[in-house]
Every structure is written in C-alpha cells, then in structure tokens.
Amino acid sequence: MFQLVDWYVFSLGPMVICTLECIAVSWIYGMRRISQDVEMMIGKPLPMPVKILRALVTPVILLITFILTLLRYQPPTYGTVYVLPCGLMMNGVLQIPEASKITG
C-alpha cells in the first residue's frame, strides 16, 4: 500500500498540482494582476524576467517533466518478481485527488 502511495501520489500528484497552479495563477488570474498586487504590497512591480519565468518557463518545464515521467512509466513492482495488479494501480491513481486535499 505504501509503495502505491509513494509511486503515484508523491511522484505524479505534486507535478500535476504545481503545473495546474502555475497555469491558473499566471494565465487565468493574470500576470498584470499579480504585478499590481506585488506593487501594492512592496511598492515595486515585478521585474520582466520574473514575469516571463512565472508565466512561460516554469509551466513549460513542469509540463515537460510530467510528460517525460509518463513516457518513462513502468508499473510498480514489489521486490523483483511481483507486479502489482491493475486494480491496485488504479487505486493508487485515484488517491492523487485525495492527496491534493492534504497538501492544499
């Protein structure tokens, strides 16, 4: 059971959550609003390199990392011989939304 949690929740879960959060904050809320909020708080707007990194570079790197993780996927095994059944693997995948409630 702990191997499934480690395999799915603590490897795929944070990547999915971070990618969606980056996209939501940067593109849906908007970099202009974020810059205005930062300016209201500290008196200076965000520099242009920070805006570019936040809106473009970080989501692209997270998305590439997630895709490469899925491309290199191998089903979890217990020891060297036992391959976990599909039902247990689906149980691990379904735990990702539950873990997001804990981390969020």
PDB file of N, CA and C in Angstrom:
ATOM      1  N   MET A   1       0.822  -1.195   0.000  1.00  0.00           N
ATOM      2  CA  MET A   1       0.000   0.000   0.000  1.00  0.00           C
ATOM      3  C   MET A   1       0.865   1.258   0.000  1.00  0.00           C
ATOM      4  N   PHE A   2       1.900   1.280   0.862  1.00  0.00           N
ATOM      5  CA  PHE A   2       2.760   2.459   0.924  1.00  0.00           C
ATOM      6  C   PHE A   2       3.529   2.652  -0.380  1.00  0.00           C
ATOM      7  N   GLN A   3       3.831   1.546  -1.049  1.00  0.00           N
ATOM      8  CA  GLN A   3       4.535   1.661  -2.318  1.00  0.00           C
ATOM      9  C   GLN A   3       3.646   2.329  -3.372  1.00  0.00           C
ATOM     10  N   LEU A   4       2.339   2.030  -3.358  1.00  0.00           N
ATOM     11  CA  LEU A   4       1.419   2.678  -4.293  1.00  0.00           C
ATOM     12  C   LEU A   4       1.305   4.164  -4.007  1.00  0.00           C
ATOM     13  N   VAL A   5       1.223   4.527  -2.724  1.00  0.00           N
ATOM     14  CA  VAL A   5       1.147   5.937  -2.359  1.00  0.00           C
ATOM     15  C   VAL A   5       2.412   6.648  -2.815  1.00  0.00           C
ATOM     16  N   ASP A   6       3.555   6.048  -2.576  1.00  0.00           N
ATOM     17  CA  ASP A   6       4.824   6.643  -2.990  1.00  0.00           C
ATOM     18  C   ASP A   6       4.914   6.738  -4.507  1.00  0.00           C
ATOM     19  N   TRP A   7       4.469   5.708  -5.181  1.00  0.00           N
ATOM     20  CA  TRP A   7       4.608   5.631  -6.635  1.00  0.00           C
ATOM     21  C   TRP A   7       3.736   6.648  -7.356  1.00  0.00           C
ATOM     22  N   TYR A   8       2.501   6.816  -6.906  1.00  0.00           N
ATOM     23  CA  TYR A   8       1.554   7.674  -7.615  1.00  0.00           C
ATOM     24  C   TYR A   8       1.368   9.037  -6.951  1.00  0.00           C
ATOM     25  N   VAL A   9       1.057   9.040  -5.667  1.00  0.00           N
ATOM     26  CA  VAL A   9       0.685  10.285  -5.002  1.00  0.00           C
ATOM     27  C   VAL A   9       1.871  11.216  -4.845  1.00  0.00           C
ATOM     28  N   PHE A  10       3.001  10.709  -4.437  1.00  0.00           N
ATOM     29  CA  PHE A  10       4.137  11.578  -4.162  1.00  0.00           C
ATOM     30  C   PHE A  10       5.056  11.785  -5.351  1.00  0.00           C
ATOM     31  N   SER A  11       4.737  11.191  -6.495  1.00  0.00           N
ATOM     32  CA  SER A  11       5.539  11.485  -7.688  1.00  0.00           C
ATOM     33  C   SER A  11       4.714  12.217  -8.741  1.00  0.00           C
ATOM     34  N   LEU A  12       3.544  11.710  -9.063  1.00  0.00           N
ATOM     35  CA  LEU A  12       2.721  12.348 -10.083  1.00  0.00           C
ATOM     36  C   LEU A  12       1.866  13.484  -9.529  1.00  0.00           C
ATOM     37  N   GLY A  13       1.391  13.319  -8.324  1.00  0.00           N
ATOM     38  CA  GLY A  13       0.489  14.299  -7.727  1.00  0.00           C
ATOM     39  C   GLY A  13       1.057  15.710  -7.651  1.00  0.00           C
ATOM     40  N   PRO A  14       2.228  15.901  -7.042  1.00  0.00           N
ATOM     41  CA  PRO A  14       2.762  17.262  -6.966  1.00  0.00           C
ATOM     42  C   PRO A  14       3.034  17.896  -8.322  1.00  0.00           C
ATOM     43  N   MET A  15       3.450  17.091  -9.303  1.00  0.00           N
ATOM     44  CA  MET A  15       3.693  17.662 -10.632  1.00  0.00           C
ATOM     45  C   MET A  15       2.401  18.172 -11.266  1.00  0.00           C
ATOM     46  N   VAL A  16       1.333  17.393 -11.132  1.00  0.00           N
ATOM     47  CA  VAL A  16       0.050  17.803 -11.698  1.00  0.00           C
ATOM     48  C   VAL A  16      -0.459  19.050 -10.979  1.00  0.00           C
ATOM     49  N   ILE A  17      -0.414  19.046  -9.659  1.00  0.00           N
ATOM     50  CA  ILE A  17      -0.923  20.168  -8.873  1.00  0.00           C
ATOM     51  C   ILE A  17      -0.118  21.430  -9.137  1.00  0.00           C
ATOM     52  N   CYS A  18       1.210  21.325  -9.169  1.00  0.00           N
ATOM     53  CA  CYS A  18       2.051  22.507  -9.410  1.00  0.00           C
ATOM     54  C   CYS A  18       1.862  23.063 -10.812  1.00  0.00           C
ATOM     55  N   THR A  19       1.742  22.199 -11.799  1.00  0.00           N
ATOM     56  CA  THR A  19       1.533  22.670 -13.162  1.00  0.00           C
ATOM     57  C   THR A  19       0.202  23.405 -13.289  1.00  0.00           C
ATOM     58  N   LEU A  20      -0.858  22.814 -12.739  1.00  0.00           N
ATOM     59  CA  LEU A  20      -2.166  23.464 -12.810  1.00  0.00           C
ATOM     60  C   LEU A  20      -2.192  24.767 -12.019  1.00  0.00           C
ATOM     61  N   GLU A  21      -1.517  24.789 -10.889  1.00  0.00           N
ATOM     62  CA  GLU A  21      -1.469  26.018 -10.094  1.00  0.00           C
ATOM     63  C   GLU A  21      -0.727  27.127 -10.844  1.00  0.00           C
ATOM     64  N   CYS A  22       0.398  26.790 -11.449  1.00  0.00           N
ATOM     65  CA  CYS A  22       1.167  27.780 -12.220  1.00  0.00           C
ATOM     66  C   CYS A  22       0.333  28.338 -13.364  1.00  0.00           C
ATOM     67  N   ILE A  23      -0.355  27.470 -14.081  1.00  0.00           N
ATOM     68  CA  ILE A  23      -1.174  27.917 -15.198  1.00  0.00           C
ATOM     69  C   ILE A  23      -2.339  28.761 -14.703  1.00  0.00           C
ATOM     70  N   ALA A  24      -2.986  28.327 -13.631  1.00  0.00           N
ATOM     71  CA  ALA A  24      -4.140  29.070 -13.113  1.00  0.00           C
ATOM     72  C   ALA A  24      -3.742  30.458 -12.636  1.00  0.00           C
ATOM     73  N   VAL A  25      -2.671  30.542 -11.886  1.00  0.00           N
ATOM     74  CA  VAL A  25      -2.272  31.840 -11.345  1.00  0.00           C
ATOM     75  C   VAL A  25      -1.746  32.748 -12.448  1.00  0.00           C
ATOM     76  N   SER A  26      -0.905  32.231 -13.316  1.00  0.00           N
ATOM     77  CA  SER A  26      -0.281  33.079 -14.333  1.00  0.00           C
ATOM     78  C   SER A  26      -1.212  33.456 -15.468  1.00  0.00           C
ATOM     79  N   TRP A  27      -2.024  32.516 -15.923  1.00  0.00           N
ATOM     80  CA  TRP A  27      -2.819  32.764 -17.117  1.00  0.00           C
ATOM     81  C   TRP A  27      -4.268  33.132 -16.810  1.00  0.00           C
ATOM     82  N   ILE A  28      -4.851  32.532 -15.808  1.00  0.00           N
ATOM     83  CA  ILE A  28      -6.252  32.832 -15.514  1.00  0.00           C
ATOM     84  C   ILE A  28      -6.348  34.091 -14.657  1.00  0.00           C
ATOM     85  N   TYR A  29      -5.594  34.150 -13.551  1.00  0.00           N
ATOM     86  CA  TYR A  29      -5.600  35.351 -12.729  1.00  0.00           C
ATOM     87  C   TYR A  29      -4.879  36.486 -13.449  1.00  0.00           C
ATOM     88  N   GLY A  30      -3.784  36.162 -14.092  1.00  0.00           N
ATOM     89  CA  GLY A  30      -3.093  37.133 -14.937  1.00  0.00           C
ATOM     90  C   GLY A  30      -1.851  37.729 -14.301  1.00  0.00           C
ATOM     91  N   MET A  31      -0.807  37.845 -15.107  1.00  0.00           N
ATOM     92  CA  MET A  31       0.453  38.408 -14.620  1.00  0.00           C
ATOM     93  C   MET A  31       0.318  39.901 -14.321  1.00  0.00           C
ATOM     94  N   ARG A  32      -0.562  40.590 -15.043  1.00  0.00           N
ATOM     95  CA  ARG A  32      -0.755  42.018 -14.778  1.00  0.00           C
ATOM     96  C   ARG A  32      -1.333  42.218 -13.369  1.00  0.00           C
ATOM     97  N   ARG A  33      -2.317  41.401 -13.009  1.00  0.00           N
ATOM     98  CA  ARG A  33      -2.902  41.499 -11.669  1.00  0.00           C
ATOM     99  C   ARG A  33      -1.894  41.123 -10.588  1.00  0.00           C
ATOM    100  N   ILE A  34      -1.105  40.079 -10.852  1.00  0.00           N
ATOM    101  CA  ILE A  34      -0.093  39.669  -9.869  1.00  0.00           C
ATOM    102  C   ILE A  34       0.902  40.804  -9.664  1.00  0.00           C
ATOM    103  N   SER A  35       1.330  41.406 -10.760  1.00  0.00           N
ATOM    104  CA  SER A  35       2.277  42.512 -10.658  1.00  0.00           C
ATOM    105  C   SER A  35       1.675  43.689  -9.894  1.00  0.00           C
ATOM    106  N   GLN A  36       0.408  43.974 -10.141  1.00  0.00           N
ATOM    107  CA  GLN A  36      -0.262  45.045  -9.397  1.00  0.00           C
ATOM    108  C   GLN A  36      -0.356  44.719  -7.914  1.00  0.00           C
ATOM    109  N   ASP A  37      -0.660  43.457  -7.598  1.00  0.00           N
ATOM    110  CA  ASP A  37      -0.746  43.036  -6.197  1.00  0.00           C
ATOM    111  C   ASP A  37       0.607  43.155  -5.498  1.00  0.00           C
ATOM    112  N   VAL A  38       1.664  42.725  -6.187  1.00  0.00           N
ATOM    113  CA  VAL A  38       3.014  42.828  -5.609  1.00  0.00           C
ATOM    114  C   VAL A  38       3.394  44.298  -5.422  1.00  0.00           C
ATOM    115  N   GLU A  39       3.046  45.116  -6.411  1.00  0.00           N
ATOM    116  CA  GLU A  39       3.352  46.540  -6.301  1.00  0.00           C
ATOM    117  C   GLU A  39       2.603  47.170  -5.131  1.00  0.00           C
ATOM    118  N   MET A  40       1.376  46.764  -4.909  1.00  0.00           N
ATOM    119  CA  MET A  40       0.604  47.281  -3.782  1.00  0.00           C
ATOM    120  C   MET A  40       1.249  46.878  -2.445  1.00  0.00           C
ATOM    121  N   MET A  41       1.813  45.665  -2.409  1.00  0.00           N
ATOM    122  CA  MET A  41       2.384  45.163  -1.160  1.00  0.00           C
ATOM    123  C   MET A  41       3.772  45.712  -0.870  1.00  0.00           C
ATOM    124  N   ILE A  42       4.649  45.760  -1.881  1.00  0.00           N
ATOM    125  CA  ILE A  42       6.035  46.153  -1.605  1.00  0.00           C
ATOM    126  C   ILE A  42       6.452  47.457  -2.286  1.00  0.00           C
ATOM    127  N   GLY A  43       5.577  48.029  -3.093  1.00  0.00           N
ATOM    128  CA  GLY A  43       5.888  49.313  -3.697  1.00  0.00           C
ATOM    129  C   GLY A  43       6.575  49.252  -5.042  1.00  0.00           C
ATOM    130  N   LYS A  44       6.939  48.056  -5.505  1.00  0.00           N
ATOM    131  CA  LYS A  44       7.589  47.915  -6.815  1.00  0.00           C
ATOM    132  C   LYS A  44       6.895  46.796  -7.577  1.00  0.00           C
ATOM    133  N   PRO A  45       6.691  46.978  -8.888  1.00  0.00           N
ATOM    134  CA  PRO A  45       6.098  45.881  -9.666  1.00  0.00           C
ATOM    135  C   PRO A  45       7.112  44.769  -9.896  1.00  0.00           C
ATOM    136  N   LEU A  46       6.613  43.620 -10.324  1.00  0.00           N
ATOM    137  CA  LEU A  46       7.510  42.511 -10.644  1.00  0.00           C
ATOM    138  C   LEU A  46       8.382  42.865 -11.837  1.00  0.00           C
ATOM    139  N   PRO A  47       9.673  42.522 -11.792  1.00  0.00           N
ATOM    140  CA  PRO A  47      10.531  42.742 -12.962  1.00  0.00           C
ATOM    141  C   PRO A  47      10.094  41.830 -14.123  1.00  0.00           C
ATOM    142  N   MET A  48      10.395  42.248 -15.325  1.00  0.00           N
ATOM    143  CA  MET A  48      10.003  41.497 -16.520  1.00  0.00           C
ATOM    144  C   MET A  48      10.552  40.062 -16.532  1.00  0.00           C
ATOM    145  N   PRO A  49      11.836  39.820 -16.124  1.00  0.00           N
ATOM    146  CA  PRO A  49      12.305  38.425 -16.118  1.00  0.00           C
ATOM    147  C   PRO A  49      11.484  37.519 -15.189  1.00  0.00           C
ATOM    148  N   VAL A  50      11.031  38.047 -14.072  1.00  0.00           N
ATOM    149  CA  VAL A  50      10.214  37.248 -13.157  1.00  0.00           C
ATOM    150  C   VAL A  50       8.872  36.927 -13.803  1.00  0.00           C
ATOM    151  N   LYS A  51       8.289  37.879 -14.493  1.00  0.00           N
ATOM    152  CA  LYS A  51       7.021  37.639 -15.184  1.00  0.00           C
ATOM    153  C   LYS A  51       7.167  36.555 -16.247  1.00  0.00           C
ATOM    154  N   ILE A  52       8.257  36.623 -17.008  1.00  0.00           N
ATOM    155  CA  ILE A  52       8.492  35.623 -18.064  1.00  0.00           C
ATOM    156  C   ILE A  52       8.710  34.247 -17.460  1.00  0.00           C
ATOM    157  N   LEU A  53       9.522  34.183 -16.411  1.00  0.00           N
ATOM    158  CA  LEU A  53       9.768  32.899 -15.763  1.00  0.00           C
ATOM    159  C   LEU A  53       8.484  32.319 -15.180  1.00  0.00           C
ATOM    160  N   ARG A  54       7.696  33.164 -14.547  1.00  0.00           N
ATOM    161  CA  ARG A  54       6.471  32.701 -13.886  1.00  0.00           C
ATOM    162  C   ARG A  54       5.403  32.266 -14.891  1.00  0.00           C
ATOM    163  N   ALA A  55       5.264  32.994 -15.994  1.00  0.00           N
ATOM    164  CA  ALA A  55       4.187  32.727 -16.938  1.00  0.00           C
ATOM    165  C   ALA A  55       4.539  31.710 -18.013  1.00  0.00           C
ATOM    166  N   LEU A  56       5.809  31.617 -18.397  1.00  0.00           N
ATOM    167  CA  LEU A  56       6.170  30.763 -19.524  1.00  0.00           C
ATOM    168  C   LEU A  56       7.119  29.628 -19.160  1.00  0.00           C
ATOM    169  N   VAL A  57       8.242  29.973 -18.589  1.00  0.00           N
ATOM    170  CA  VAL A  57       9.303  28.987 -18.389  1.00  0.00           C
ATOM    171  C   VAL A  57       8.900  27.909 -17.384  1.00  0.00           C
ATOM    172  N   THR A  58       8.381  28.319 -16.225  1.00  0.00           N
ATOM    173  CA  THR A  58       8.042  27.341 -15.188  1.00  0.00           C
ATOM    174  C   THR A  58       6.958  26.362 -15.637  1.00  0.00           C
ATOM    175  N   PRO A  59       5.828  26.814 -16.220  1.00  0.00           N
ATOM    176  CA  PRO A  59       4.840  25.829 -16.673  1.00  0.00           C
ATOM    177  C   PRO A  59       5.366  24.890 -17.758  1.00  0.00           C
ATOM    178  N   VAL A  60       6.212  25.416 -18.662  1.00  0.00           N
ATOM    179  CA  VAL A  60       6.755  24.567 -19.723  1.00  0.00           C
ATOM    180  C   VAL A  60       7.674  23.493 -19.139  1.00  0.00           C
ATOM    181  N   ILE A  61       8.535  23.875 -18.212  1.00  0.00           N
ATOM    182  CA  ILE A  61       9.440  22.895 -17.595  1.00  0.00           C
ATOM    183  C   ILE A  61       8.643  21.849 -16.823  1.00  0.00           C
ATOM    184  N   LEU A  62       7.628  22.268 -16.069  1.00  0.00           N
ATOM    185  CA  LEU A  62       6.805  21.312 -15.325  1.00  0.00           C
ATOM    186  C   LEU A  62       6.051  20.380 -16.267  1.00  0.00           C
ATOM    187  N   LEU A  63       5.531  20.895 -17.364  1.00  0.00           N
ATOM    188  CA  LEU A  63       4.807  20.069 -18.319  1.00  0.00           C
ATOM    189  C   LEU A  63       5.734  19.070 -19.010  1.00  0.00           C
ATOM    190  N   ILE A  64       6.913  19.510 -19.380  1.00  0.00           N
ATOM    191  CA  ILE A  64       7.890  18.600 -19.997  1.00  0.00           C
ATOM    192  C   ILE A  64       8.293  17.504 -19.008  1.00  0.00           C
ATOM    193  N   THR A  65       8.522  17.885 -17.763  1.00  0.00           N
ATOM    194  CA  THR A  65       8.877  16.900 -16.743  1.00  0.00           C
ATOM    195  C   THR A  65       7.761  15.880 -16.554  1.00  0.00           C
ATOM    196  N   PHE A  66       6.522  16.339 -16.523  1.00  0.00           N
ATOM    197  CA  PHE A  66       5.386  15.433 -16.364  1.00  0.00           C
ATOM    198  C   PHE A  66       5.268  14.489 -17.551  1.00  0.00           C
ATOM    199  N   ILE A  67       5.400  15.003 -18.765  1.00  0.00           N
ATOM    200  CA  ILE A  67       5.307  14.158 -19.962  1.00  0.00           C
ATOM    201  C   ILE A  67       6.424  13.124 -19.983  1.00  0.00           C
ATOM    202  N   LEU A  68       7.641  13.540 -19.656  1.00  0.00           N
ATOM    203  CA  LEU A  68       8.755  12.584 -19.625  1.00  0.00           C
ATOM    204  C   LEU A  68       8.562  11.529 -18.546  1.00  0.00           C
ATOM    205  N   THR A  69       7.980  11.915 -17.429  1.00  0.00           N
ATOM    206  CA  THR A  69       7.680  10.940 -16.376  1.00  0.00           C
ATOM    207  C   THR A  69       6.687   9.905 -16.878  1.00  0.00           C
ATOM    208  N   LEU A  70       5.663  10.345 -17.591  1.00  0.00           N
ATOM    209  CA  LEU A  70       4.679   9.401 -18.131  1.00  0.00           C
ATOM    210  C   LEU A  70       5.275   8.523 -19.226  1.00  0.00           C
ATOM    211  N   LEU A  71       6.180   9.082 -20.032  1.00  0.00           N
ATOM    212  CA  LEU A  71       6.807   8.281 -21.092  1.00  0.00           C
ATOM    213  C   LEU A  71       7.724   7.206 -20.533  1.00  0.00           C
ATOM    214  N   ARG A  72       8.341   7.484 -19.401  1.00  0.00           N
ATOM    215  CA  ARG A  72       9.256   6.510 -18.794  1.00  0.00           C
ATOM    216  C   ARG A  72       8.565   5.635 -17.754  1.00  0.00           C
ATOM    217  N   TYR A  73       7.241   5.639 -17.748  1.00  0.00           N
ATOM    218  CA  TYR A  73       6.465   4.910 -16.751  1.00  0.00           C
ATOM    219  C   TYR A  73       6.698   3.409 -16.842  1.00  0.00           C
ATOM    220  N   GLN A  74       6.880   2.796 -15.696  1.00  0.00           N
ATOM    221  CA  GLN A  74       6.921   1.342 -15.566  1.00  0.00           C
ATOM    222  C   GLN A  74       6.009   0.982 -14.402  1.00  0.00           C
ATOM    223  N   PRO A  75       5.211  -0.068 -14.539  1.00  0.00           N
ATOM    224  CA  PRO A  75       4.306  -0.420 -13.450  1.00  0.00           C
ATOM    225  C   PRO A  75       5.087  -0.745 -12.171  1.00  0.00           C
ATOM    226  N   PRO A  76       4.522  -0.392 -11.025  1.00  0.00           N
ATOM    227  CA  PRO A  76       5.225  -0.674  -9.775  1.00  0.00           C
ATOM    228  C   PRO A  76       5.315  -2.169  -9.529  1.00  0.00           C
ATOM    229  N   THR A  77       6.421  -2.578  -8.944  1.00  0.00           N
ATOM    230  CA  THR A  77       6.625  -3.981  -8.593  1.00  0.00           C
ATOM    231  C   THR A  77       6.942  -4.072  -7.115  1.00  0.00           C
ATOM    232  N   TYR A  78       6.705  -5.224  -6.571  1.00  0.00           N
ATOM    233  CA  TYR A  78       7.049  -5.482  -5.183  1.00  0.00           C
ATOM    234  C   TYR A  78       8.179  -6.504  -5.190  1.00  0.00           C
ATOM    235  N   GLY A  79       9.346  -6.074  -4.778  1.00  0.00           N
ATOM    236  CA  GLY A  79      10.510  -6.943  -4.885  1.00  0.00           C
ATOM    237  C   GLY A  79      10.986  -6.959  -6.329  1.00  0.00           C
ATOM    238  N   THR A  80      11.463  -8.100  -6.772  1.00  0.00           N
ATOM    239  CA  THR A  80      11.961  -8.191  -8.147  1.00  0.00           C
ATOM    240  C   THR A  80      11.021  -8.955  -9.061  1.00  0.00           C
ATOM    241  N   VAL A  81      10.019  -9.644  -8.499  1.00  0.00           N
ATOM    242  CA  VAL A  81       9.207 -10.537  -9.312  1.00  0.00           C
ATOM    243  C   VAL A  81       7.746 -10.097  -9.401  1.00  0.00           C
ATOM    244  N   TYR A  82       7.152  -9.695  -8.298  1.00  0.00           N
ATOM    245  CA  TYR A  82       5.712  -9.478  -8.239  1.00  0.00           C
ATOM    246  C   TYR A  82       5.319  -8.132  -8.844  1.00  0.00           C
ATOM    247  N   VAL A  83       4.487  -8.175  -9.879  1.00  0.00           N
ATOM    248  CA  VAL A  83       3.952  -6.959 -10.492  1.00  0.00           C
ATOM    249  C   VAL A  83       2.554  -6.757  -9.921  1.00  0.00           C
ATOM    250  N   LEU A  84       2.294  -5.572  -9.430  1.00  0.00           N
ATOM    251  CA  LEU A  84       1.005  -5.297  -8.813  1.00  0.00           C
ATOM    252  C   LEU A  84      -0.117  -5.357  -9.849  1.00  0.00           C
ATOM    253  N   PRO A  85      -1.294  -5.885  -9.463  1.00  0.00           N
ATOM    254  CA  PRO A  85      -2.420  -5.962 -10.403  1.00  0.00           C
ATOM    255  C   PRO A  85      -2.954  -4.576 -10.783  1.00  0.00           C
ATOM    256  N   CYS A  86      -3.666  -4.526 -11.899  1.00  0.00           N
ATOM    257  CA  CYS A  86      -4.200  -3.245 -12.411  1.00  0.00           C
ATOM    258  C   CYS A  86      -5.152  -2.588 -11.424  1.00  0.00           C
ATOM    259  N   GLY A  87      -5.931  -3.381 -10.697  1.00  0.00           N
ATOM    260  CA  GLY A  87      -6.867  -2.812  -9.730  1.00  0.00           C
ATOM    261  C   GLY A  87      -6.156  -2.032  -8.642  1.00  0.00           C
ATOM    262  N   LEU A  88      -5.057  -2.557  -8.156  1.00  0.00           N
ATOM    263  CA  LEU A  88      -4.283  -1.844  -7.141  1.00  0.00           C
ATOM    264  C   LEU A  88      -3.629  -0.596  -7.721  1.00  0.00           C
ATOM    265  N   MET A  89      -3.179  -0.667  -8.970  1.00  0.00           N
ATOM    266  CA  MET A  89      -2.573   0.518  -9.595  1.00  0.00           C
ATOM    267  C   MET A  89      -3.616   1.616  -9.767  1.00  0.00           C
ATOM    268  N   MET A  90      -4.846   1.259 -10.141  1.00  0.00           N
ATOM    269  CA  MET A  90      -5.906   2.257 -10.268  1.00  0.00           C
ATOM    270  C   MET A  90      -6.229   2.872  -8.908  1.00  0.00           C
ATOM    271  N   ASN A  91      -6.145   2.072  -7.857  1.00  0.00           N
ATOM    272  CA  ASN A  91      -6.333   2.589  -6.504  1.00  0.00           C
ATOM    273  C   ASN A  91      -5.284   3.657  -6.206  1.00  0.00           C
ATOM    274  N   GLY A  92      -4.057   3.435  -6.624  1.00  0.00           N
ATOM    275  CA  GLY A  92      -3.004   4.426  -6.427  1.00  0.00           C
ATOM    276  C   GLY A  92      -3.253   5.696  -7.207  1.00  0.00           C
ATOM    277  N   VAL A  93      -3.745   5.561  -8.443  1.00  0.00           N
ATOM    278  CA  VAL A  93      -4.029   6.733  -9.266  1.00  0.00           C
ATOM    279  C   VAL A  93      -5.184   7.531  -8.664  1.00  0.00           C
ATOM    280  N   LEU A  94      -6.185   6.856  -8.143  1.00  0.00           N
ATOM    281  CA  LEU A  94      -7.347   7.539  -7.568  1.00  0.00           C
ATOM    282  C   LEU A  94      -7.024   8.244  -6.259  1.00  0.00           C
ATOM    283  N   GLN A  95      -5.881   7.966  -5.655  1.00  0.00           N
ATOM    284  CA  GLN A  95      -5.502   8.631  -4.421  1.00  0.00           C
ATOM    285  C   GLN A  95      -4.902  10.015  -4.672  1.00  0.00           C
ATOM    286  N   ILE A  96      -4.564  10.345  -5.899  1.00  0.00           N
ATOM    287  CA  ILE A  96      -3.960  11.647  -6.207  1.00  0.00           C
ATOM    288  C   ILE A  96      -4.881  12.802  -5.811  1.00  0.00           C
ATOM    289  N   PRO A  97      -6.183  12.779  -6.177  1.00  0.00           N
ATOM    290  CA  PRO A  97      -7.037  13.898  -5.739  1.00  0.00           C
ATOM    291  C   PRO A  97      -7.175  13.987  -4.222  1.00  0.00           C
ATOM    292  N   GLU A  98      -7.161  12.855  -3.543  1.00  0.00           N
ATOM    293  CA  GLU A  98      -7.256  12.887  -2.081  1.00  0.00           C
ATOM    294  C   GLU A  98      -6.023  13.516  -1.467  1.00  0.00           C
ATOM    295  N   ALA A  99      -4.866  13.265  -2.036  1.00  0.00           N
ATOM    296  CA  ALA A  99      -3.627  13.848  -1.502  1.00  0.00           C
ATOM    297  C   ALA A  99      -3.583  15.351  -1.736  1.00  0.00           C
ATOM    298  N   SER A 100      -4.233  15.806  -2.800  1.00  0.00           N
ATOM    299  CA  SER A 100      -4.245  17.243  -3.042  1.00  0.00           C
ATOM    300  C   SER A 100      -5.028  17.985  -1.960  1.00  0.00           C
ATOM    301  N   LYS A 101      -5.986  17.328  -1.350  1.00  0.00           N
ATOM    302  CA  LYS A 101      -6.722  17.936  -0.247  1.00  0.00           C
ATOM    303  C   LYS A 101      -5.813  18.107   0.965  1.00  0.00           C
ATOM    304  N   ILE A 102      -4.890  17.170   1.148  1.00  0.00           N
ATOM    305  CA  ILE A 102      -3.972  17.233   2.285  1.00  0.00           C
ATOM    306  C   ILE A 102      -2.940  18.337   2.063  1.00  0.00           C
ATOM    307  N   THR A 103      -2.379  18.403   0.826  1.00  0.00           N
ATOM    308  CA  THR A 103      -1.322  19.372   0.565  1.00  0.00           C
ATOM    309  C   THR A 103      -1.849  20.774   0.342  1.00  0.00           C
ATOM    310  N   GLY A 104      -3.113  20.909  -0.046  1.00  0.00           N
ATOM    311  CA  GLY A 104      -3.682  22.221  -0.368  1.00  0.00           C
ATOM    312  C   GLY A 104      -4.235  22.890   0.795  1.00  0.00           C
TER     313      GLY A 104
END
